[in-house]
């Protein structure tokens, strides 16, 4: 697993753009951590564990960096607030 440092809003953006399909986490649970498993846009099955510094990622860290380099598909220039009104 690679440690990925990210703010909560950046973590939301990165993970939502990383996975195209979410899968059951059976066998990957980590006690009190939030764990997500799924298929990435590259077609690989990977795992993300949410942490206070961002998240741990089981795949190639370059995949996350590629997402960071893209612009927002909605054209948002500012980070969205965590609470939607």
N, C-alpha and C. Protein backbone atom coordinates (compact mmCIF):
# COMPACT_ATOMS: atom_id res chain seq x y z
N UNK A 1 0.84 -1.18 0.00
CA UNK A 1 0.00 0.00 0.00
C UNK A 1 0.88 1.24 0.00
N UNK A 2 0.49 2.22 -0.79
CA UNK A 2 1.18 3.49 -0.85
C UNK A 2 0.38 4.53 -0.10
N UNK A 3 1.05 5.32 0.76
CA UNK A 3 0.39 6.40 1.46
C UNK A 3 0.19 7.58 0.52
N UNK A 4 -1.04 8.06 0.46
CA UNK A 4 -1.37 9.21 -0.38
C UNK A 4 -1.85 10.33 0.54
N UNK A 5 -1.10 11.41 0.59
CA UNK A 5 -1.48 12.56 1.39
C UNK A 5 -2.49 13.41 0.63
N UNK A 6 -3.63 13.70 1.28
CA UNK A 6 -4.66 14.49 0.61
C UNK A 6 -5.61 15.07 1.65
N UNK A 7 -6.15 16.25 1.34
CA UNK A 7 -7.19 16.84 2.19
C UNK A 7 -8.46 16.01 2.01
N UNK A 8 -9.44 16.16 2.91
CA UNK A 8 -10.70 15.42 2.74
C UNK A 8 -11.38 15.69 1.40
N UNK A 9 -11.41 16.94 0.96
CA UNK A 9 -12.07 17.23 -0.33
C UNK A 9 -11.28 16.63 -1.50
N UNK A 10 -9.97 16.67 -1.43
CA UNK A 10 -9.16 16.07 -2.49
C UNK A 10 -9.32 14.55 -2.48
N UNK A 11 -9.39 13.96 -1.29
CA UNK A 11 -9.60 12.51 -1.18
C UNK A 11 -10.91 12.12 -1.85
N UNK A 12 -11.98 12.90 -1.60
CA UNK A 12 -13.28 12.63 -2.23
C UNK A 12 -13.16 12.66 -3.75
N UNK A 13 -12.50 13.65 -4.27
CA UNK A 13 -12.32 13.80 -5.71
C UNK A 13 -11.50 12.64 -6.28
N UNK A 14 -10.37 12.34 -5.66
CA UNK A 14 -9.49 11.30 -6.17
C UNK A 14 -10.17 9.94 -6.19
N UNK A 15 -10.80 9.57 -5.08
CA UNK A 15 -11.42 8.25 -5.01
C UNK A 15 -12.61 8.14 -5.96
N UNK A 16 -13.41 9.20 -6.06
CA UNK A 16 -14.56 9.13 -6.96
C UNK A 16 -14.14 9.05 -8.42
N UNK A 17 -12.96 9.53 -8.75
CA UNK A 17 -12.45 9.43 -10.11
C UNK A 17 -11.59 8.19 -10.33
N UNK A 18 -11.22 7.53 -9.26
CA UNK A 18 -10.37 6.34 -9.34
C UNK A 18 -11.18 5.09 -9.69
N UNK A 19 -12.29 4.89 -8.98
CA UNK A 19 -13.07 3.67 -9.15
C UNK A 19 -14.22 3.87 -10.14
N UNK A 20 -14.42 2.85 -10.99
CA UNK A 20 -15.58 2.82 -11.87
C UNK A 20 -16.61 1.84 -11.34
N UNK A 21 -16.17 0.99 -10.42
CA UNK A 21 -17.06 -0.02 -9.84
C UNK A 21 -16.59 -0.33 -8.43
N UNK A 22 -17.52 -0.35 -7.48
CA UNK A 22 -17.20 -0.69 -6.09
C UNK A 22 -17.55 -2.15 -5.86
N UNK A 23 -16.68 -2.87 -5.17
CA UNK A 23 -16.88 -4.30 -4.87
C UNK A 23 -16.96 -4.52 -3.36
N UNK A 24 -17.51 -5.66 -2.94
CA UNK A 24 -17.52 -5.99 -1.50
C UNK A 24 -16.10 -6.07 -0.96
N UNK A 25 -15.93 -5.69 0.30
CA UNK A 25 -14.58 -5.64 0.90
C UNK A 25 -14.21 -6.92 1.62
N UNK A 26 -14.98 -7.97 1.47
CA UNK A 26 -14.74 -9.23 2.18
C UNK A 26 -13.26 -9.63 2.11
N UNK A 27 -12.69 -9.85 3.29
CA UNK A 27 -11.28 -10.25 3.36
C UNK A 27 -10.31 -9.08 3.42
N UNK A 28 -10.81 -7.85 3.29
CA UNK A 28 -9.94 -6.68 3.30
C UNK A 28 -10.24 -5.74 4.46
N UNK A 29 -11.15 -6.13 5.34
CA UNK A 29 -11.53 -5.25 6.46
C UNK A 29 -10.34 -5.00 7.38
N UNK A 30 -10.25 -3.78 7.92
CA UNK A 30 -9.15 -3.41 8.81
C UNK A 30 -9.69 -2.82 10.10
N UNK A 31 -10.42 -3.58 10.87
CA UNK A 31 -10.91 -3.09 12.16
C UNK A 31 -11.81 -1.90 12.02
N UNK A 32 -11.37 -0.75 12.54
CA UNK A 32 -12.22 0.44 12.53
C UNK A 32 -11.93 1.39 11.37
N UNK A 33 -11.18 0.95 10.37
CA UNK A 33 -10.89 1.78 9.20
C UNK A 33 -11.96 1.61 8.12
N UNK A 34 -12.18 2.67 7.33
CA UNK A 34 -13.07 2.59 6.18
C UNK A 34 -12.25 2.04 5.01
N UNK A 35 -12.71 0.93 4.45
CA UNK A 35 -12.01 0.27 3.35
C UNK A 35 -12.93 0.22 2.14
N UNK A 36 -12.40 0.56 0.98
CA UNK A 36 -13.14 0.47 -0.28
C UNK A 36 -12.36 -0.42 -1.23
N UNK A 37 -13.06 -1.31 -1.90
CA UNK A 37 -12.45 -2.16 -2.93
C UNK A 37 -13.24 -1.95 -4.22
N UNK A 38 -12.55 -2.02 -5.33
CA UNK A 38 -13.26 -1.86 -6.59
C UNK A 38 -12.36 -1.96 -7.79
N UNK A 39 -12.95 -1.67 -8.93
CA UNK A 39 -12.23 -1.71 -10.21
C UNK A 39 -11.92 -0.28 -10.59
N UNK A 40 -10.66 -0.03 -10.90
CA UNK A 40 -10.22 1.32 -11.28
C UNK A 40 -10.54 1.57 -12.75
N UNK A 41 -10.38 2.82 -13.17
CA UNK A 41 -10.62 3.16 -14.58
C UNK A 41 -9.62 2.46 -15.49
N UNK A 42 -8.54 1.92 -14.90
CA UNK A 42 -7.57 1.16 -15.69
C UNK A 42 -7.93 -0.33 -15.77
N UNK A 43 -9.04 -0.71 -15.11
CA UNK A 43 -9.49 -2.10 -15.15
C UNK A 43 -8.87 -3.00 -14.10
N UNK A 44 -8.17 -2.42 -13.13
CA UNK A 44 -7.49 -3.20 -12.09
C UNK A 44 -8.34 -3.23 -10.82
N UNK A 45 -8.33 -4.35 -10.11
CA UNK A 45 -8.99 -4.43 -8.80
C UNK A 45 -8.02 -3.92 -7.76
N UNK A 46 -8.41 -2.87 -7.05
CA UNK A 46 -7.55 -2.24 -6.05
C UNK A 46 -8.33 -1.96 -4.78
N UNK A 47 -7.58 -1.57 -3.73
CA UNK A 47 -8.15 -1.29 -2.42
C UNK A 47 -7.66 0.07 -1.94
N UNK A 48 -8.57 0.80 -1.27
CA UNK A 48 -8.26 2.08 -0.63
C UNK A 48 -8.66 1.97 0.83
N UNK A 49 -7.78 2.44 1.72
CA UNK A 49 -8.09 2.51 3.15
C UNK A 49 -7.99 3.98 3.55
N UNK A 50 -9.12 4.54 4.02
CA UNK A 50 -9.14 5.96 4.41
C UNK A 50 -8.34 6.14 5.69
N UNK A 51 -7.53 7.20 5.72
CA UNK A 51 -6.68 7.52 6.88
C UNK A 51 -6.83 9.00 7.21
N UNK A 52 -6.30 9.41 8.35
CA UNK A 52 -6.40 10.82 8.73
C UNK A 52 -5.56 11.72 7.83
N UNK A 53 -4.55 11.19 7.16
CA UNK A 53 -3.69 11.97 6.27
C UNK A 53 -4.14 11.90 4.82
N UNK A 54 -5.16 11.12 4.53
CA UNK A 54 -5.62 10.91 3.17
C UNK A 54 -6.08 9.48 3.02
N UNK A 55 -5.27 8.66 2.33
CA UNK A 55 -5.62 7.25 2.17
C UNK A 55 -4.42 6.43 1.75
N UNK A 56 -4.54 5.12 1.94
CA UNK A 56 -3.55 4.16 1.45
C UNK A 56 -4.16 3.53 0.20
N UNK A 57 -3.31 3.32 -0.81
CA UNK A 57 -3.78 2.79 -2.09
C UNK A 57 -2.95 1.58 -2.49
N UNK A 58 -3.61 0.50 -2.88
CA UNK A 58 -2.91 -0.74 -3.21
C UNK A 58 -2.33 -0.75 -4.62
N UNK A 59 -2.76 0.16 -5.46
CA UNK A 59 -2.30 0.15 -6.86
C UNK A 59 -1.10 1.03 -7.11
N UNK A 60 -0.87 1.28 -8.37
CA UNK A 60 0.25 2.12 -8.81
C UNK A 60 -0.02 3.58 -8.42
N UNK A 61 0.86 4.20 -7.61
CA UNK A 61 0.63 5.58 -7.19
C UNK A 61 0.58 6.56 -8.37
N UNK A 62 1.14 6.20 -9.49
CA UNK A 62 1.11 7.06 -10.68
C UNK A 62 -0.33 7.26 -11.16
N UNK A 63 -1.18 6.26 -10.92
CA UNK A 63 -2.59 6.38 -11.29
C UNK A 63 -3.23 7.55 -10.55
N UNK A 64 -2.95 7.67 -9.26
CA UNK A 64 -3.50 8.77 -8.45
C UNK A 64 -2.93 10.10 -8.94
N UNK A 65 -1.65 10.13 -9.25
CA UNK A 65 -1.03 11.37 -9.73
C UNK A 65 -1.62 11.80 -11.07
N UNK A 66 -1.96 10.83 -11.92
CA UNK A 66 -2.59 11.16 -13.20
C UNK A 66 -3.95 11.81 -12.99
N UNK A 67 -4.70 11.34 -12.00
CA UNK A 67 -5.99 11.95 -11.70
C UNK A 67 -5.78 13.37 -11.19
N UNK A 68 -4.78 13.56 -10.34
CA UNK A 68 -4.48 14.90 -9.79
C UNK A 68 -4.15 15.90 -10.89
N UNK A 69 -3.54 15.45 -11.96
CA UNK A 69 -3.10 16.34 -13.04
C UNK A 69 -4.24 16.76 -13.97
N UNK A 70 -5.35 16.02 -13.94
CA UNK A 70 -6.49 16.35 -14.80
C UNK A 70 -7.28 17.51 -14.23
N UNK A 71 -7.95 18.23 -15.07
CA UNK A 71 -8.83 19.29 -14.57
C UNK A 71 -10.18 18.68 -14.26
N UNK A 72 -10.94 19.37 -13.46
CA UNK A 72 -12.27 18.93 -13.07
C UNK A 72 -13.18 18.87 -14.29
N UNK A 73 -13.88 17.75 -14.48
CA UNK A 73 -14.75 17.62 -15.64
C UNK A 73 -15.94 18.58 -15.58
N UNK A 74 -16.24 19.10 -14.38
CA UNK A 74 -17.34 20.05 -14.23
C UNK A 74 -16.85 21.49 -14.31
N UNK A 75 -15.56 21.68 -14.48
CA UNK A 75 -15.02 23.02 -14.60
C UNK A 75 -14.89 23.77 -13.28
N UNK A 76 -15.02 23.05 -12.16
CA UNK A 76 -14.89 23.69 -10.85
C UNK A 76 -13.46 24.13 -10.61
N UNK A 77 -13.29 25.38 -10.27
CA UNK A 77 -11.96 25.90 -9.98
C UNK A 77 -11.68 25.89 -8.50
N UNK A 78 -12.71 25.95 -7.70
CA UNK A 78 -12.57 25.93 -6.25
C UNK A 78 -12.99 24.57 -5.73
N UNK A 79 -12.47 24.23 -4.55
CA UNK A 79 -12.90 23.01 -3.90
C UNK A 79 -14.31 23.21 -3.37
N UNK A 80 -15.13 22.18 -3.52
CA UNK A 80 -16.49 22.24 -3.03
C UNK A 80 -16.51 22.05 -1.52
N UNK A 81 -17.45 22.67 -0.82
CA UNK A 81 -17.56 22.44 0.61
C UNK A 81 -18.05 21.01 0.86
N UNK A 82 -17.71 20.47 2.00
CA UNK A 82 -18.10 19.10 2.32
C UNK A 82 -19.61 18.99 2.51
N UNK A 83 -20.26 20.07 2.96
CA UNK A 83 -21.71 20.01 3.16
C UNK A 83 -22.41 20.68 1.98
N UNK A 84 -23.24 19.92 1.31
CA UNK A 84 -23.94 20.42 0.14
C UNK A 84 -25.26 21.05 0.58
N UNK A 85 -25.55 22.25 0.09
CA UNK A 85 -26.79 22.93 0.46
C UNK A 85 -27.65 23.14 -0.76
